[in-house]
C-alpha cells in the first residue's frame, strides 16, 4: 500500500504542463496526485493541491498573518501554500481574494455559504471547498505514504480496528489520515473535538462510525500520497 518515502514528487507548472524550474514556479503541482484527487470528487466539491515552495509564506494575507508573527518560516510557508490552493478554488465559485484567518480552535474561517477544509504535510498542501447546504460538512487530510511509528499506531487504533486490520494496514497512514479528516468534518459541524478512540474506520466500506453512534463517509487514495476526504451529510 505504501510508496517508498524517497519517491520524488513530479513538479509541473499548471500553466504550461512542463516540468517546473523550481521555486520560481507559482503553480507547482504533482500530476499524479492531481489525477488521483479526481477519484475523490463528488458533486459541487472542488479539490486542489500545491507543492509547498519557497515564497509561499508571502501568500498569507493580513488577517491570516495575525498571531503568526512568532511562527517559524516553515509554518508560515505551509499556511500560505494551503491558503493559495483554497483561494484558487474559491475563485471558481466567484469568491476572489478571500482571506481565511484562523478561528480560536485552529480551523480556517470560511466565507458565508461555504464549507471547506485545509491540510498539509511537509511537502504538499491540499484543500477542499463546496457550497454549503446547511447539512453537509467536509474534512480533508494528507500524509506521506510512509509507515507510522509503532507507538503512534497503537495510540490511534481502536480495539476493533486492531482486530480488523493486519499490521501493515495498521501501521500505514491511511487509518491515521482518515481519522484526522473525520475530526475536521466533525469539528466543523459541532465545534467539538474527537479523540482517536472515538472513531472506528472501515476502509473497505468507506465508513467512519463515531462513538456516539453517528457516521460519515470516507474516501481514500494511497498513492502517490495518502489523502482522505470525510463527508457528513444529514
Protein backbone atom coordinates (compact mmCIF):
# COMPACT_ATOMS: atom_id res chain seq x y z
CA UNK A 1 0.00 0.00 0.00
CA UNK A 2 2.85 2.38 0.75
CA UNK A 3 5.08 4.21 -1.66
CA UNK A 4 8.76 4.43 -0.66
CA UNK A 5 9.38 7.61 1.31
CA UNK A 6 12.14 8.66 -1.05
CA UNK A 7 9.90 8.68 -4.14
CA UNK A 8 10.25 12.14 -5.72
CA UNK A 9 7.34 14.44 -6.43
CA UNK A 10 6.97 15.24 -10.10
CA UNK A 11 6.51 19.00 -10.15
CA UNK A 12 4.99 20.74 -13.15
CA UNK A 13 3.75 24.21 -13.92
CA UNK A 14 -0.03 24.17 -14.35
CA UNK A 15 0.08 26.87 -17.00
CA UNK A 16 2.46 25.05 -19.33
CA UNK A 17 2.28 21.42 -18.26
CA UNK A 18 6.09 21.34 -18.37
CA UNK A 19 8.41 20.42 -15.50
CA UNK A 20 8.63 23.37 -13.16
CA UNK A 21 12.04 25.04 -12.87
CA UNK A 22 11.87 25.14 -9.08
CA UNK A 23 10.91 27.86 -6.65
CA UNK A 24 10.16 30.30 -9.50
CA UNK A 25 7.00 28.40 -10.41
CA UNK A 26 3.87 29.91 -8.87
CA UNK A 27 1.69 26.94 -9.78
CA UNK A 28 3.66 23.82 -8.94
CA UNK A 29 1.69 20.60 -8.80
CA UNK A 30 2.21 16.85 -8.94
CA UNK A 31 0.28 15.49 -11.96
CA UNK A 32 -0.01 12.03 -10.41
CA UNK A 33 -1.59 13.47 -7.29
CA UNK A 34 -3.86 15.71 -9.35
CA UNK A 35 -5.11 12.64 -11.22
CA UNK A 36 -5.62 10.67 -8.01
CA UNK A 37 -7.58 13.51 -6.40
CA UNK A 38 -10.13 13.28 -9.20
CA UNK A 39 -11.31 9.97 -7.72
CA UNK A 40 -12.40 11.80 -4.53
CA UNK A 41 -14.65 14.26 -6.32
CA UNK A 42 -18.36 14.43 -5.55
CA UNK A 43 -20.98 16.85 -6.94
CA UNK A 44 -20.23 20.51 -6.14
CA UNK A 45 -16.93 19.67 -4.42
CA UNK A 46 -13.73 21.38 -5.58
CA UNK A 47 -10.34 19.89 -4.72
CA UNK A 48 -6.85 21.22 -5.30
CA UNK A 49 -3.25 20.82 -4.22
CA UNK A 50 0.12 22.51 -4.38
CA UNK A 51 3.72 21.53 -3.78
CA UNK A 52 4.90 23.75 -0.90
CA UNK A 53 7.67 26.02 -2.18
CA UNK A 54 9.81 28.95 -1.05
CA UNK A 55 7.80 32.16 -1.28
CA UNK A 56 4.50 30.58 -0.26
CA UNK A 57 4.83 32.30 3.10
CA UNK A 58 4.20 35.59 1.26
CA UNK A 59 0.75 34.37 0.25
CA UNK A 60 -0.59 34.96 3.77
CA UNK A 61 -2.98 37.93 3.73
CA UNK A 62 -3.19 40.45 6.61
CA UNK A 63 -5.75 38.69 8.81
CA UNK A 64 -4.04 35.36 8.14
CA UNK A 65 -0.71 36.71 9.36
CA UNK A 66 -2.23 37.95 12.62
CA UNK A 67 -0.96 35.90 15.54
CA UNK A 68 1.70 34.20 13.42
CA UNK A 69 4.45 36.74 13.94
CA UNK A 70 6.47 34.28 16.02
CA UNK A 71 5.72 31.25 13.83
CA UNK A 72 8.62 29.57 12.08
CA UNK A 73 9.21 30.11 8.37
CA UNK A 74 8.19 26.50 7.72
CA UNK A 75 4.82 27.00 9.44
CA UNK A 76 4.13 30.27 7.64
CA UNK A 77 5.13 28.71 4.31
CA UNK A 78 2.80 25.73 4.82
CA UNK A 79 -0.05 28.01 5.88
CA UNK A 80 0.46 30.28 2.91
CA UNK A 81 0.61 27.39 0.45
CA UNK A 82 -2.60 25.77 1.62
CA UNK A 83 -4.44 29.10 1.52
CA UNK A 84 -3.22 29.71 -2.01
CA UNK A 85 -4.88 26.45 -3.00
CA UNK A 86 -8.10 27.35 -1.21
CA UNK A 87 -8.25 30.80 -2.80
CA UNK A 88 -7.86 29.31 -6.28
CA UNK A 89 -10.82 27.05 -5.56
CA UNK A 90 -12.91 29.89 -4.12
CA UNK A 91 -12.25 31.96 -7.24
CA UNK A 92 -14.01 29.22 -9.20
CA UNK A 93 -17.04 29.96 -7.02
CA UNK A 94 -16.79 33.70 -7.82
CA UNK A 95 -15.22 34.50 -4.46
CA UNK A 96 -11.86 36.11 -5.31
CA UNK A 97 -9.30 37.29 -2.77
CA UNK A 98 -10.96 35.72 0.28
CA UNK A 99 -8.95 35.86 3.50
CA UNK A 100 -9.01 32.72 5.62
CA UNK A 101 -7.93 33.62 9.15
CA UNK A 102 -7.72 31.03 11.89
CA UNK A 103 -10.56 30.62 14.36
CA UNK A 104 -9.74 30.07 18.06
CA UNK A 105 -9.95 26.29 17.50
CA UNK A 106 -7.36 26.49 14.72
CA UNK A 107 -9.77 25.86 11.84
CA UNK A 108 -9.99 28.38 8.99
CA UNK A 109 -12.88 30.84 8.89
CA UNK A 110 -14.74 30.22 5.63
CA UNK A 111 -16.92 32.81 3.90
CA UNK A 112 -20.67 32.60 4.35
CA UNK A 113 -22.24 29.87 2.26
CA UNK A 114 -19.05 27.79 2.00
CA UNK A 115 -17.77 24.72 3.79
CA UNK A 116 -14.18 23.65 3.38
CA UNK A 117 -11.11 22.03 4.83
CA UNK A 118 -7.35 22.53 4.60
CA UNK A 119 -4.45 20.15 5.16
CA UNK A 120 -0.75 19.86 4.52
CA UNK A 121 2.19 17.65 5.29
CA UNK A 122 5.82 18.71 4.92
CA UNK A 123 5.71 18.83 1.13
CA UNK A 124 2.12 19.10 -0.11
CA UNK A 125 -0.88 21.31 0.64
CA UNK A 126 -4.46 20.25 -0.21
CA UNK A 127 -7.81 21.98 0.09
CA UNK A 128 -11.47 21.10 -0.42
CA UNK A 129 -14.36 23.55 -0.70
CA UNK A 130 -18.01 23.38 -1.66
CA UNK A 131 -21.15 25.49 -1.37
CA UNK A 132 -22.87 24.89 1.94
CA UNK A 133 -26.26 23.24 2.02
CA UNK A 134 -26.54 23.66 5.77
CA UNK A 135 -26.36 19.90 6.25
CA UNK A 136 -23.04 18.87 4.69
CA UNK A 137 -19.61 19.10 6.29
CA UNK A 138 -16.23 18.01 4.98
CA UNK A 139 -12.75 17.29 6.25
CA UNK A 140 -9.56 16.52 4.35
CA UNK A 141 -6.13 15.32 5.37
CA UNK A 142 -2.88 14.43 3.61
CA UNK A 143 0.06 12.31 4.71
CA UNK A 144 3.15 10.88 3.02
CA UNK A 145 2.84 7.20 2.11
CA UNK A 146 5.12 6.08 4.92
CA UNK A 147 4.54 3.80 7.93
CA UNK A 148 3.74 5.21 11.33
CA UNK A 149 5.97 4.62 14.35
CA UNK A 150 4.63 1.61 16.31
CA UNK A 151 3.69 3.66 19.38
CA UNK A 152 1.61 6.05 17.27
CA UNK A 153 -0.10 3.13 15.55
CA UNK A 154 -1.12 1.68 18.91
CA UNK A 155 -2.43 5.02 20.15
CA UNK A 156 -4.66 5.78 17.17
CA UNK A 157 -6.27 2.38 16.50
CA UNK A 158 -9.29 1.13 18.42
CA UNK A 159 -9.54 -2.47 19.67
CA UNK A 160 -11.98 -3.16 16.84
CA UNK A 161 -9.56 -1.81 14.25
CA UNK A 162 -6.71 -3.86 15.72
CA UNK A 163 -8.81 -6.99 15.26
CA UNK A 164 -9.94 -6.00 11.78
CA UNK A 165 -6.68 -4.98 10.11
CA UNK A 166 -3.33 -6.63 9.51
CA UNK A 167 -0.18 -5.00 10.94
CA UNK A 168 0.77 -3.40 7.62
CA UNK A 169 -2.58 -1.62 7.35
CA UNK A 170 -2.47 -0.53 10.98
CA UNK A 171 1.00 0.88 10.57
CA UNK A 172 0.19 2.58 7.28
CA UNK A 173 -1.06 6.14 7.50
CA UNK A 174 -4.45 5.64 5.83
CA UNK A 175 -6.17 4.96 9.15
CA UNK A 176 -4.49 7.92 10.81
CA UNK A 177 -5.27 10.19 7.85
CA UNK A 178 -8.92 9.08 7.81
CA UNK A 179 -9.35 9.91 11.48
CA UNK A 180 -7.82 13.35 11.02
CA UNK A 181 -10.24 14.06 8.15
CA UNK A 182 -13.20 12.82 10.21
CA UNK A 183 -12.19 15.02 13.15
CA UNK A 184 -12.12 18.08 10.91
CA UNK A 185 -15.58 17.38 9.49
CA UNK A 186 -16.96 16.68 12.97
CA UNK A 187 -15.42 19.84 14.39
CA UNK A 188 -16.83 21.86 11.50
CA UNK A 189 -20.30 20.54 12.30
CA UNK A 190 -20.25 20.66 16.11
CA UNK A 191 -17.28 22.75 17.20
CA UNK A 192 -16.27 19.80 19.38
CA UNK A 193 -13.16 17.63 19.38
CA UNK A 194 -12.82 13.88 18.98
CA UNK A 195 -10.16 11.52 20.27
CA UNK A 196 -8.58 8.77 18.20
CA UNK A 197 -10.56 6.19 20.15
CA UNK A 198 -13.86 7.96 19.39
CA UNK A 199 -13.90 6.86 15.73
CA UNK A 200 -13.78 3.41 14.16
CA UNK A 201 -12.79 3.42 10.47
CA UNK A 202 -13.87 0.78 7.97
CA UNK A 203 -11.62 1.37 4.98
CA UNK A 204 -13.32 -1.33 2.90
CA UNK A 205 -16.82 0.14 3.15
CA UNK A 206 -15.66 3.77 3.34
CA UNK A 207 -17.47 4.44 6.59
CA UNK A 208 -16.40 6.07 9.83
CA UNK A 209 -18.52 5.16 12.86
CA UNK A 210 -18.44 7.61 15.74
CA UNK A 211 -18.61 6.63 19.38
CA UNK A 212 -21.95 8.45 19.74
CA UNK A 213 -23.48 6.29 17.01
CA UNK A 214 -23.17 8.79 14.17
CA UNK A 215 -21.31 8.04 10.96
CA UNK A 216 -19.80 9.70 7.92
CA UNK A 217 -18.26 8.58 4.65
CA UNK A 218 -14.53 8.44 4.00
CA UNK A 219 -12.86 8.20 0.59
CA UNK A 220 -9.16 7.31 0.43
CA UNK A 221 -6.33 7.49 -2.07
CA UNK A 222 -2.99 5.89 -1.13
CA UNK A 223 -0.66 6.91 -3.96
CA UNK A 224 1.36 8.97 -4.63
CA UNK A 225 0.27 10.35 -1.26
CA UNK A 226 -2.38 9.38 1.22
CA UNK A 227 -5.34 11.76 1.06
CA UNK A 228 -8.67 11.17 2.79
CA UNK A 229 -11.89 13.10 2.30
CA UNK A 230 -14.51 12.75 5.04
CA UNK A 231 -18.09 13.88 4.45
CA UNK A 232 -21.02 14.20 6.81
CA UNK A 233 -24.46 14.70 5.33
CA UNK A 234 -27.64 14.86 7.38
